[in-house]
Amino acid sequence: MNRYYRLMVSFWIVLLALSCFATPAQSSSTVTKVHEFFKFGVEEMHRGNYSAAIDDFQKAIQLKSDFAAAYSNSCLAYLQLQDYQNAVENCTIAINLAPKNAEAYLNRGLARYRLGDNLSAITDNNQVIALKPNDFRAYYNRGVARANLKDYSGATADYNLALTQIPQTYSLGIADIYNDRGLAYFKLANLQAAMLDFNRAIRFNTDDYRAYFNRGCACVRHGDARGAVRDFSQVIRLEPSNGQAYVNRGMAYHQLGYEQYALADLQKAVEYFRHQEQRVAYEKTLNLMENMQQQIASKLELG
């Protein structure tokens, strides 16, 4: 099974911590409460208590309805909770109140991407780039959205721009960009460039199973079954329940003539897919294993 595995991408999100200001209609006690609720919300965000953070930000908004930072941080908290529709709504209010808030555009772009609205995600990242031309996150996120639209050349161009802007201290972020650029090159049938990028991704993050998985797929496409076994074995070491890695390693073993290893890997994949309730993958792998067993039996009879 020569299957190409499209990855879930990573995004960088920055927590806003802006100050609120009193208007003539607000008393000093109200302003104090707004500050306190906002501060509590930020602290809850740092603790990972996103629902509690939203409650605090909403309390601040009830006292100060035009508090853009509270809406922006609510958007960020909703993102963490994977409530993308509420994230979009809160970011949109934040943008209406503070049109130059680049972080709100960045986060709304991420939420729209998660909702499958890639064109709107690209538009939001364009706004980020207009406001902050050196923000590598916007180039990377726009590249991911373009890749989702199968614009792999455009995605590659954005990943190149992201690599020119990202600080060299962000090794994990650099690994992600190389990995996704490698995926784009793979789709463009440039296997040599894809392999180089997967190698770079692994060099910057030796524990990223995705880069090993993708390099394994590139090895399969290149006809390097031994390299595929090596890389899918690394995936299994880092993520032992990855059923697809077992399938792919099993097929590589099959190409090398190691039939018992191949069948053992397919059996493992079947077990994981069943446990994870991945019905389609389970049935396909079960059929694949049965076909392989029949082929082996036929070879033995002929032998």
C-alpha atoms as a PDB file:
ATOM      1  CA  MET A   1       0.000   0.000   0.000  1.00  0.00           C
ATOM      2  CA  ASN A   2       1.775   3.111  -1.212  1.00  0.00           C
ATOM      3  CA  ARG A   3      -0.246   5.588   0.762  1.00  0.00           C
ATOM      4  CA  TYR A   4       0.647   9.238   1.181  1.00  0.00           C
ATOM      5  CA  TYR A   5      -0.097  10.557   4.641  1.00  0.00           C
ATOM      6  CA  ARG A   6      -1.263  14.153   4.886  1.00  0.00           C
ATOM      7  CA  LEU A   7      -0.456  15.637   8.242  1.00  0.00           C
ATOM      8  CA  MET A   8      -2.183  17.826  10.692  1.00  0.00           C
ATOM      9  CA  VAL A   9      -0.212  21.063  10.729  1.00  0.00           C
ATOM     10  CA  SER A  10       0.970  23.069  13.678  1.00  0.00           C
ATOM     11  CA  PHE A  11       0.368  26.766  14.198  1.00  0.00           C
ATOM     12  CA  TRP A  12       1.921  29.231  16.578  1.00  0.00           C
ATOM     13  CA  ILE A  13      -0.454  31.361  18.617  1.00  0.00           C
ATOM     14  CA  VAL A  14       0.521  34.317  20.768  1.00  0.00           C
ATOM     15  CA  LEU A  15      -1.421  35.220  23.887  1.00  0.00           C
ATOM     16  CA  LEU A  16      -2.518  38.850  23.930  1.00  0.00           C
ATOM     17  CA  ALA A  17      -2.221  40.726  27.181  1.00  0.00           C
ATOM     18  CA  LEU A  18      -3.347  44.248  26.407  1.00  0.00           C
ATOM     19  CA  SER A  19      -4.393  46.874  28.905  1.00  0.00           C
ATOM     20  CA  CYS A  20      -7.881  48.307  29.044  1.00  0.00           C
ATOM     21  CA  PHE A  21      -8.504  52.002  29.473  1.00  0.00           C
ATOM     22  CA  ALA A  22     -11.243  53.907  31.266  1.00  0.00           C
ATOM     23  CA  THR A  23     -13.782  55.894  29.332  1.00  0.00           C
ATOM     24  CA  PRO A  24     -15.460  58.961  30.827  1.00  0.00           C
ATOM     25  CA  ALA A  25     -18.578  56.908  31.578  1.00  0.00           C
ATOM     26  CA  GLN A  26     -16.701  54.333  33.631  1.00  0.00           C
ATOM     27  CA  SER A  27     -16.013  54.618  37.347  1.00  0.00           C
ATOM     28  CA  SER A  28     -12.619  53.749  38.759  1.00  0.00           C
ATOM     29  CA  SER A  29     -14.105  50.705  40.511  1.00  0.00           C
ATOM     30  CA  THR A  30     -15.510  49.399  37.226  1.00  0.00           C
ATOM     31  CA  VAL A  31     -12.149  49.856  35.546  1.00  0.00           C
ATOM     32  CA  THR A  32     -10.492  47.956  38.378  1.00  0.00           C
ATOM     33  CA  LYS A  33     -12.923  45.067  37.996  1.00  0.00           C
ATOM     34  CA  VAL A  34     -12.364  44.971  34.231  1.00  0.00           C
ATOM     35  CA  HIS A  35      -8.608  44.764  34.798  1.00  0.00           C
ATOM     36  CA  GLU A  36      -9.055  42.049  37.414  1.00  0.00           C
ATOM     37  CA  PHE A  37     -11.297  39.860  35.263  1.00  0.00           C
ATOM     38  CA  PHE A  38      -8.949  40.255  32.320  1.00  0.00           C
ATOM     39  CA  LYS A  39      -5.942  39.390  34.474  1.00  0.00           C
ATOM     40  CA  PHE A  40      -7.728  36.338  35.866  1.00  0.00           C
ATOM     41  CA  GLY A  41      -8.547  35.239  32.312  1.00  0.00           C
ATOM     42  CA  VAL A  42      -4.923  35.527  31.221  1.00  0.00           C
ATOM     43  CA  GLU A  43      -3.812  33.525  34.263  1.00  0.00           C
ATOM     44  CA  GLU A  44      -6.370  30.806  33.486  1.00  0.00           C
ATOM     45  CA  MET A  45      -5.077  30.693  29.912  1.00  0.00           C
ATOM     46  CA  HIS A  46      -1.548  30.102  31.171  1.00  0.00           C
ATOM     47  CA  ARG A  47      -2.849  27.270  33.356  1.00  0.00           C
ATOM     48  CA  GLY A  48      -4.670  25.712  30.407  1.00  0.00           C
ATOM     49  CA  ASN A  49      -8.100  26.346  31.921  1.00  0.00           C
ATOM     50  CA  TYR A  50      -9.644  27.706  28.736  1.00  0.00           C
ATOM     51  CA  SER A  51     -13.322  27.526  29.713  1.00  0.00           C
ATOM     52  CA  ALA A  52     -12.584  29.415  32.932  1.00  0.00           C
ATOM     53  CA  ALA A  53     -10.569  31.952  30.950  1.00  0.00           C
ATOM     54  CA  ILE A  54     -13.521  32.562  28.607  1.00  0.00           C
ATOM     55  CA  ASP A  55     -15.788  33.140  31.621  1.00  0.00           C
ATOM     56  CA  ASP A  56     -13.400  35.763  32.965  1.00  0.00           C
ATOM     57  CA  PHE A  57     -12.998  37.501  29.622  1.00  0.00           C
ATOM     58  CA  GLN A  58     -16.752  37.579  29.179  1.00  0.00           C
ATOM     59  CA  LYS A  59     -17.153  39.159  32.612  1.00  0.00           C
ATOM     60  CA  ALA A  60     -14.697  41.848  31.544  1.00  0.00           C
ATOM     61  CA  ILE A  61     -16.677  42.368  28.325  1.00  0.00           C
ATOM     62  CA  GLN A  62     -19.931  42.730  30.263  1.00  0.00           C
ATOM     63  CA  LEU A  63     -18.366  45.687  32.057  1.00  0.00           C
ATOM     64  CA  LYS A  64     -16.573  47.073  28.993  1.00  0.00           C
ATOM     65  CA  SER A  65     -18.314  46.055  25.771  1.00  0.00           C
ATOM     66  CA  ASP A  66     -15.621  47.512  23.482  1.00  0.00           C
ATOM     67  CA  PHE A  67     -12.729  45.645  25.136  1.00  0.00           C
ATOM     68  CA  ALA A  68     -10.987  44.314  22.021  1.00  0.00           C
ATOM     69  CA  ALA A  69      -8.269  42.390  23.888  1.00  0.00           C
ATOM     70  CA  ALA A  70     -10.852  40.393  25.840  1.00  0.00           C
ATOM     71  CA  TYR A  71     -12.575  39.365  22.613  1.00  0.00           C
ATOM     72  CA  SER A  72      -9.224  38.495  21.041  1.00  0.00           C
ATOM     73  CA  ASN A  73      -8.209  36.344  23.983  1.00  0.00           C
ATOM     74  CA  SER A  74     -11.627  34.699  24.033  1.00  0.00           C
ATOM     75  CA  CYS A  75     -10.979  33.756  20.411  1.00  0.00           C
ATOM     76  CA  LEU A  76      -7.673  32.210  21.426  1.00  0.00           C
ATOM     77  CA  ALA A  77      -9.304  30.225  24.227  1.00  0.00           C
ATOM     78  CA  TYR A  78     -12.035  28.971  21.893  1.00  0.00           C
ATOM     79  CA  LEU A  79      -9.306  27.853  19.495  1.00  0.00           C
ATOM     80  CA  GLN A  80      -7.753  25.757  22.233  1.00  0.00           C
ATOM     81  CA  LEU A  81     -11.159  24.206  22.896  1.00  0.00           C
ATOM     82  CA  GLN A  82     -11.588  23.527  19.158  1.00  0.00           C
ATOM     83  CA  ASP A  83     -14.745  25.660  19.128  1.00  0.00           C
ATOM     84  CA  TYR A  84     -13.845  27.333  15.860  1.00  0.00           C
ATOM     85  CA  GLN A  85     -17.142  29.055  15.134  1.00  0.00           C
ATOM     86  CA  ASN A  86     -17.068  30.964  18.432  1.00  0.00           C
ATOM     87  CA  ALA A  87     -13.396  31.677  17.810  1.00  0.00           C
ATOM     88  CA  VAL A  88     -14.242  33.320  14.469  1.00  0.00           C
ATOM     89  CA  GLU A  89     -17.060  35.356  16.007  1.00  0.00           C
ATOM     90  CA  ASN A  90     -14.915  36.693  18.846  1.00  0.00           C
ATOM     91  CA  CYS A  91     -11.961  37.475  16.593  1.00  0.00           C
ATOM     92  CA  THR A  92     -14.267  39.310  14.183  1.00  0.00           C
ATOM     93  CA  ILE A  93     -15.526  41.551  16.993  1.00  0.00           C
ATOM     94  CA  ALA A  94     -11.938  42.143  18.114  1.00  0.00           C
ATOM     95  CA  ILE A  95     -10.977  43.136  14.558  1.00  0.00           C
ATOM     96  CA  ASN A  96     -13.967  45.478  14.229  1.00  0.00           C
ATOM     97  CA  LEU A  97     -12.908  47.185  17.461  1.00  0.00           C
ATOM     98  CA  ALA A  98      -9.170  47.188  16.658  1.00  0.00           C
ATOM     99  CA  PRO A  99      -8.616  46.823  12.877  1.00  0.00           C
ATOM    100  CA  LYS A 100      -4.826  46.756  13.246  1.00  0.00           C
ATOM    101  CA  ASN A 101      -4.806  43.798  15.645  1.00  0.00           C
ATOM    102  CA  ALA A 102      -2.608  41.392  13.689  1.00  0.00           C
ATOM    103  CA  GLU A 103      -2.978  38.592  16.249  1.00  0.00           C
ATOM    104  CA  ALA A 104      -6.757  38.608  15.867  1.00  0.00           C
ATOM    105  CA  TYR A 105      -6.400  38.183  12.093  1.00  0.00           C
ATOM    106  CA  LEU A 106      -3.860  35.411  12.644  1.00  0.00           C
ATOM    107  CA  ASN A 107      -6.120  33.522  15.049  1.00  0.00           C
ATOM    108  CA  ARG A 108      -9.235  34.033  12.941  1.00  0.00           C
ATOM    109  CA  GLY A 109      -7.310  32.680   9.973  1.00  0.00           C
ATOM    110  CA  LEU A 110      -6.460  29.574  11.968  1.00  0.00           C
ATOM    111  CA  ALA A 111     -10.087  29.113  13.055  1.00  0.00           C
ATOM    112  CA  ARG A 112     -11.302  29.516   9.476  1.00  0.00           C
ATOM    113  CA  TYR A 113      -8.722  26.989   8.294  1.00  0.00           C
ATOM    114  CA  ARG A 114      -9.975  24.513  10.885  1.00  0.00           C
ATOM    115  CA  LEU A 115     -13.500  25.093   9.601  1.00  0.00           C
ATOM    116  CA  GLY A 116     -12.319  24.253   6.083  1.00  0.00           C
ATOM    117  CA  ASP A 117     -12.584  27.830   4.790  1.00  0.00           C
ATOM    118  CA  ASN A 118      -9.122  28.005   3.257  1.00  0.00           C
ATOM    119  CA  LEU A 119      -9.763  31.060   1.070  1.00  0.00           C
ATOM    120  CA  SER A 120     -10.856  33.154   4.057  1.00  0.00           C
ATOM    121  CA  ALA A 121      -7.877  31.853   6.026  1.00  0.00           C
ATOM    122  CA  ILE A 122      -5.593  33.086   3.240  1.00  0.00           C
ATOM    123  CA  THR A 123      -7.322  36.482   3.275  1.00  0.00           C
ATOM    124  CA  ASP A 124      -6.784  36.804   7.031  1.00  0.00           C
ATOM    125  CA  ASN A 125      -3.119  35.886   6.743  1.00  0.00           C
ATOM    126  CA  ASN A 126      -2.738  38.447   3.966  1.00  0.00           C
ATOM    127  CA  GLN A 127      -3.968  41.024   6.478  1.00  0.00           C
ATOM    128  CA  VAL A 128      -1.396  39.845   9.016  1.00  0.00           C
ATOM    129  CA  ILE A 129       1.370  40.182   6.441  1.00  0.00           C
ATOM    130  CA  ALA A 130       0.178  43.698   5.534  1.00  0.00           C
ATOM    131  CA  LEU A 131       0.368  44.671   9.215  1.00  0.00           C
ATOM    132  CA  LYS A 132       3.461  42.648  10.138  1.00  0.00           C
ATOM    133  CA  PRO A 133       5.498  41.804   7.016  1.00  0.00           C
ATOM    134  CA  ASN A 134       8.099  39.881   9.044  1.00  0.00           C
ATOM    135  CA  ASP A 135       5.676  37.526  10.816  1.00  0.00           C
ATOM    136  CA  PHE A 136       6.761  34.033   9.782  1.00  0.00           C
ATOM    137  CA  ARG A 137       3.579  32.516  11.243  1.00  0.00           C
ATOM    138  CA  ALA A 138       1.368  34.228   8.672  1.00  0.00           C
ATOM    139  CA  TYR A 139       3.489  32.987   5.746  1.00  0.00           C
ATOM    140  CA  TYR A 140       3.493  29.471   7.163  1.00  0.00           C
ATOM    141  CA  ASN A 141      -0.245  29.433   7.858  1.00  0.00           C
ATOM    142  CA  ARG A 142      -1.000  30.841   4.421  1.00  0.00           C
ATOM    143  CA  GLY A 143       1.188  28.149   2.913  1.00  0.00           C
ATOM    144  CA  VAL A 144      -0.724  25.429   4.729  1.00  0.00           C
ATOM    145  CA  ALA A 145      -4.048  26.827   3.496  1.00  0.00           C
ATOM    146  CA  ARG A 146      -2.701  26.992  -0.065  1.00  0.00           C
ATOM    147  CA  ALA A 147      -1.518  23.394   0.178  1.00  0.00           C
ATOM    148  CA  ASN A 148      -5.037  22.423   1.249  1.00  0.00           C
ATOM    149  CA  LEU A 149      -6.275  24.045  -1.964  1.00  0.00           C
ATOM    150  CA  LYS A 150      -3.671  21.993  -3.894  1.00  0.00           C
ATOM    151  CA  ASP A 151      -1.699  25.122  -4.763  1.00  0.00           C
ATOM    152  CA  TYR A 152       1.587  23.430  -3.927  1.00  0.00           C
ATOM    153  CA  SER A 153       3.762  25.917  -5.803  1.00  0.00           C
ATOM    154  CA  GLY A 154       2.183  28.797  -3.896  1.00  0.00           C
ATOM    155  CA  ALA A 155       2.539  26.863  -0.650  1.00  0.00           C
ATOM    156  CA  THR A 156       6.231  26.257  -1.344  1.00  0.00           C
ATOM    157  CA  ALA A 157       6.766  29.973  -1.965  1.00  0.00           C
ATOM    158  CA  ASP A 158       5.129  30.790   1.381  1.00  0.00           C
ATOM    159  CA  TYR A 159       7.185  28.200   3.248  1.00  0.00           C
ATOM    160  CA  ASN A 160      10.317  29.753   1.711  1.00  0.00           C
ATOM    161  CA  LEU A 161       9.257  33.163   3.022  1.00  0.00           C
ATOM    162  CA  ALA A 162       8.510  31.697   6.452  1.00  0.00           C
ATOM    163  CA  LEU A 163      11.999  30.191   6.596  1.00  0.00           C
ATOM    164  CA  THR A 164      13.581  33.570   5.855  1.00  0.00           C
ATOM    165  CA  GLN A 165      11.689  35.181   8.771  1.00  0.00           C
ATOM    166  CA  ILE A 166      11.622  32.564  11.523  1.00  0.00           C
ATOM    167  CA  PRO A 167      14.216  32.954  14.308  1.00  0.00           C
ATOM    168  CA  GLN A 168      16.790  30.185  14.238  1.00  0.00           C
ATOM    169  CA  THR A 169      16.098  29.463  17.906  1.00  0.00           C
ATOM    170  CA  TYR A 170      12.640  28.097  16.955  1.00  0.00           C
ATOM    171  CA  SER A 171      13.964  24.681  16.021  1.00  0.00           C
ATOM    172  CA  LEU A 172      10.603  22.890  16.292  1.00  0.00           C
ATOM    173  CA  GLY A 173       8.913  25.546  14.152  1.00  0.00           C
ATOM    174  CA  ILE A 174      11.650  25.267  11.553  1.00  0.00           C
ATOM    175  CA  ALA A 175      11.173  21.489  11.525  1.00  0.00           C
ATOM    176  CA  ASP A 176       7.438  21.954  10.858  1.00  0.00           C
ATOM    177  CA  ILE A 177       8.093  24.283   7.938  1.00  0.00           C
ATOM    178  CA  TYR A 178      10.614  21.935   6.341  1.00  0.00           C
ATOM    179  CA  ASN A 179       8.238  19.030   6.843  1.00  0.00           C
ATOM    180  CA  ASP A 180       5.337  20.822   5.163  1.00  0.00           C
ATOM    181  CA  ARG A 181       7.528  22.145   2.366  1.00  0.00           C
ATOM    182  CA  GLY A 182       8.679  18.571   1.839  1.00  0.00           C
ATOM    183  CA  LEU A 183       5.033  17.523   1.532  1.00  0.00           C
ATOM    184  CA  ALA A 184       4.479  20.201  -1.095  1.00  0.00           C
ATOM    185  CA  TYR A 185       7.543  19.060  -3.042  1.00  0.00           C
ATOM    186  CA  PHE A 186       6.269  15.480  -2.777  1.00  0.00           C
ATOM    187  CA  LYS A 187       2.975  16.521  -4.347  1.00  0.00           C
ATOM    188  CA  LEU A 188       4.902  18.327  -7.074  1.00  0.00           C
ATOM    189  CA  ALA A 189       6.730  15.027  -7.782  1.00  0.00           C
ATOM    190  CA  ASN A 190      10.072  16.552  -6.765  1.00  0.00           C
ATOM    191  CA  LEU A 191      11.235  13.587  -4.672  1.00  0.00           C
ATOM    192  CA  GLN A 192      14.809  14.803  -4.310  1.00  0.00           C
ATOM    193  CA  ALA A 193      13.739  18.137  -2.817  1.00  0.00           C
ATOM    194  CA  ALA A 194      11.150  16.398  -0.634  1.00  0.00           C
ATOM    195  CA  MET A 195      13.742  14.012   0.796  1.00  0.00           C
ATOM    196  CA  LEU A 196      16.122  16.878   1.539  1.00  0.00           C
ATOM    197  CA  ASP A 197      13.397  18.724   3.432  1.00  0.00           C
ATOM    198  CA  PHE A 198      12.343  15.670   5.432  1.00  0.00           C
ATOM    199  CA  ASN A 199      16.012  15.157   6.341  1.00  0.00           C
ATOM    200  CA  ARG A 200      16.200  18.782   7.493  1.00  0.00           C
ATOM    201  CA  ALA A 201      13.005  18.434   9.505  1.00  0.00           C
ATOM    202  CA  ILE A 202      14.435  15.393  11.293  1.00  0.00           C
ATOM    203  CA  ARG A 203      17.687  17.215  11.962  1.00  0.00           C
ATOM    204  CA  PHE A 204      15.800  20.050  13.699  1.00  0.00           C
ATOM    205  CA  ASN A 205      13.433  17.704  15.562  1.00  0.00           C
ATOM    206  CA  THR A 206      14.604  14.125  15.906  1.00  0.00           C
ATOM    207  CA  ASP A 207      11.395  13.149  17.719  1.00  0.00           C
ATOM    208  CA  ASP A 208       8.881  14.251  15.073  1.00  0.00           C
ATOM    209  CA  TYR A 209       7.226  11.049  13.863  1.00  0.00           C
ATOM    210  CA  ARG A 210       5.593  12.944  10.968  1.00  0.00           C
ATOM    211  CA  ALA A 211       8.878  13.668   9.224  1.00  0.00           C
ATOM    212  CA  TYR A 212       9.934  10.020   9.493  1.00  0.00           C
ATOM    213  CA  PHE A 213       6.538   8.943   8.175  1.00  0.00           C
ATOM    214  CA  ASN A 214       6.759  11.277   5.207  1.00  0.00           C
ATOM    215  CA  ARG A 215      10.341  10.325   4.433  1.00  0.00           C
ATOM    216  CA  GLY A 216       9.237   6.687   4.578  1.00  0.00           C
ATOM    217  CA  CYS A 217       6.530   7.440   1.999  1.00  0.00           C
ATOM    218  CA  ALA A 218       9.117   9.152  -0.181  1.00  0.00           C
ATOM    219  CA  CYS A 219      11.358   6.079   0.135  1.00  0.00           C
ATOM    220  CA  VAL A 220       8.467   3.877  -1.019  1.00  0.00           C
ATOM    221  CA  ARG A 221       7.874   6.143  -4.014  1.00  0.00           C
ATOM    222  CA  HIS A 222      11.601   6.006  -4.799  1.00  0.00           C
ATOM    223  CA  GLY A 223      11.686   2.199  -4.541  1.00  0.00           C
ATOM    224  CA  ASP A 224      13.821   2.140  -1.398  1.00  0.00           C
ATOM    225  CA  ALA A 225      12.021  -0.506   0.686  1.00  0.00           C
ATOM    226  CA  ARG A 226      14.824  -0.761   3.250  1.00  0.00           C
ATOM    227  CA  GLY A 227      14.766   2.980   3.830  1.00  0.00           C
ATOM    228  CA  ALA A 228      10.986   2.760   4.227  1.00  0.00           C
ATOM    229  CA  VAL A 229      11.326   0.030   6.869  1.00  0.00           C
ATOM    230  CA  ARG A 230      13.872   2.172   8.723  1.00  0.00           C
ATOM    231  CA  ASP A 231      11.635   5.247   8.767  1.00  0.00           C
ATOM    232  CA  PHE A 232       8.353   3.523   9.589  1.00  0.00           C
ATOM    233  CA  SER A 233      10.155   1.713  12.420  1.00  0.00           C
ATOM    234  CA  GLN A 234      11.075   5.141  13.791  1.00  0.00           C
ATOM    235  CA  VAL A 235       7.436   6.220  13.543  1.00  0.00           C
ATOM    236  CA  ILE A 236       6.371   3.144  15.509  1.00  0.00           C
ATOM    237  CA  ARG A 237       9.037   3.819  18.142  1.00  0.00           C
ATOM    238  CA  LEU A 238       7.758   7.389  18.592  1.00  0.00           C
ATOM    239  CA  GLU A 239       4.044   6.648  18.176  1.00  0.00           C
ATOM    240  CA  PRO A 240       3.442   2.940  18.883  1.00  0.00           C
ATOM    241  CA  SER A 241      -0.291   3.033  18.076  1.00  0.00           C
ATOM    242  CA  ASN A 242       0.135   4.420  14.546  1.00  0.00           C
ATOM    243  CA  GLY A 243      -1.679   1.752  12.547  1.00  0.00           C
ATOM    244  CA  GLN A 244      -0.810   3.252   9.174  1.00  0.00           C
ATOM    245  CA  ALA A 245       2.912   3.035   9.972  1.00  0.00           C
ATOM    246  CA  TYR A 246       2.478  -0.699  10.605  1.00  0.00           C
ATOM    247  CA  VAL A 247       0.639  -1.063   7.285  1.00  0.00           C
ATOM    248  CA  ASN A 248       3.341   0.789   5.377  1.00  0.00           C
ATOM    249  CA  ARG A 249       6.195  -1.046   7.079  1.00  0.00           C
ATOM    250  CA  GLY A 250       4.412  -4.329   6.431  1.00  0.00           C
ATOM    251  CA  MET A 251       4.183  -3.562   2.724  1.00  0.00           C
ATOM    252  CA  ALA A 252       7.868  -2.605   2.647  1.00  0.00           C
ATOM    253  CA  TYR A 253       8.737  -5.917   4.325  1.00  0.00           C
ATOM    254  CA  HIS A 254       6.581  -7.655   1.706  1.00  0.00           C
ATOM    255  CA  GLN A 255       8.570  -6.013  -1.072  1.00  0.00           C
ATOM    256  CA  LEU A 256      11.774  -7.254   0.569  1.00  0.00           C
ATOM    257  CA  GLY A 257      10.382 -10.801   0.807  1.00  0.00           C
ATOM    258  CA  TYR A 258      10.108 -10.823   4.599  1.00  0.00           C
ATOM    259  CA  GLU A 259       6.584 -12.221   4.599  1.00  0.00           C
ATOM    260  CA  GLN A 260       6.248 -13.166   8.261  1.00  0.00           C
ATOM    261  CA  TYR A 261       7.335  -9.697   9.344  1.00  0.00           C
ATOM    262  CA  ALA A 262       4.901  -8.230   6.825  1.00  0.00           C
ATOM    263  CA  LEU A 263       1.962 -10.286   8.116  1.00  0.00           C
ATOM    264  CA  ALA A 264       2.838  -9.487  11.732  1.00  0.00           C
ATOM    265  CA  ASP A 265       2.774  -5.752  10.960  1.00  0.00           C
ATOM    266  CA  LEU A 266      -0.547  -5.965   9.145  1.00  0.00           C
ATOM    267  CA  GLN A 267      -2.012  -7.915  12.067  1.00  0.00           C
ATOM    268  CA  LYS A 268      -0.831  -5.167  14.427  1.00  0.00           C
ATOM    269  CA  ALA A 269      -2.414  -2.536  12.206  1.00  0.00           C
ATOM    270  CA  VAL A 270      -5.714  -4.427  12.162  1.00  0.00           C
ATOM    271  CA  GLU A 271      -5.714  -4.544  15.970  1.00  0.00           C
ATOM    272  CA  TYR A 272      -5.005  -0.827  16.325  1.00  0.00           C
ATOM    273  CA  PHE A 273      -7.580   0.187  13.727  1.00  0.00           C
ATOM    274  CA  ARG A 274     -10.204  -1.967  15.434  1.00  0.00           C
ATOM    275  CA  HIS A 275      -9.389  -0.511  18.850  1.00  0.00           C
ATOM    276  CA  GLN A 276      -9.439   3.045  17.448  1.00  0.00           C
ATOM    277  CA  GLU A 277     -12.737   2.355  15.646  1.00  0.00           C
ATOM    278  CA  GLN A 278     -11.258   3.261  12.258  1.00  0.00           C
ATOM    279  CA  ARG A 279     -13.637   0.995  10.387  1.00  0.00           C
ATOM    280  CA  VAL A 280     -12.576   1.771   6.813  1.00  0.00           C
ATOM    281  CA  ALA A 281      -8.871   1.395   7.589  1.00  0.00           C
ATOM    282  CA  TYR A 282      -9.619  -1.792   9.542  1.00  0.00           C
ATOM    283  CA  GLU A 283     -11.514  -3.425   6.676  1.00  0.00           C
ATOM    284  CA  LYS A 284      -8.985  -2.392   4.015  1.00  0.00           C
ATOM    285  CA  THR A 285      -6.059  -3.677   6.068  1.00  0.00           C
ATOM    286  CA  LEU A 286      -7.869  -6.934   6.845  1.00  0.00           C
ATOM    287  CA  ASN A 287      -8.478  -7.479   3.119  1.00  0.00           C
ATOM    288  CA  LEU A 288      -4.869  -6.616   2.382  1.00  0.00           C
ATOM    289  CA  MET A 289      -3.651  -9.144   4.936  1.00  0.00           C
ATOM    290  CA  GLU A 290      -5.940 -11.875   3.568  1.00  0.00           C
ATOM    291  CA  ASN A 291      -4.729 -11.226   0.004  1.00  0.00           C
ATOM    292  CA  MET A 292      -1.119 -11.373   1.149  1.00  0.00           C
ATOM    293  CA  GLN A 293      -1.739 -14.685   2.921  1.00  0.00           C
ATOM    294  CA  GLN A 294      -3.262 -16.101  -0.277  1.00  0.00           C
ATOM    295  CA  GLN A 295      -0.262 -14.922  -2.319  1.00  0.00           C
ATOM    296  CA  ILE A 296       2.154 -16.547   0.133  1.00  0.00           C
ATOM    297  CA  ALA A 297       0.159 -19.798   0.083  1.00  0.00           C
ATOM    298  CA  SER A 298       0.165 -19.813  -3.722  1.00  0.00           C
ATOM    299  CA  LYS A 299       3.940 -19.318  -3.817  1.00  0.00           C
ATOM    300  CA  LEU A 300       4.432 -22.210  -1.407  1.00  0.00           C
ATOM    301  CA  GLU A 301       2.244 -24.477  -3.527  1.00  0.00           C
ATOM    302  CA  LEU A 302       4.165 -23.553  -6.663  1.00  0.00           C
ATOM    303  CA  GLY A 303       7.434 -24.032  -4.849  1.00  0.00           C
END
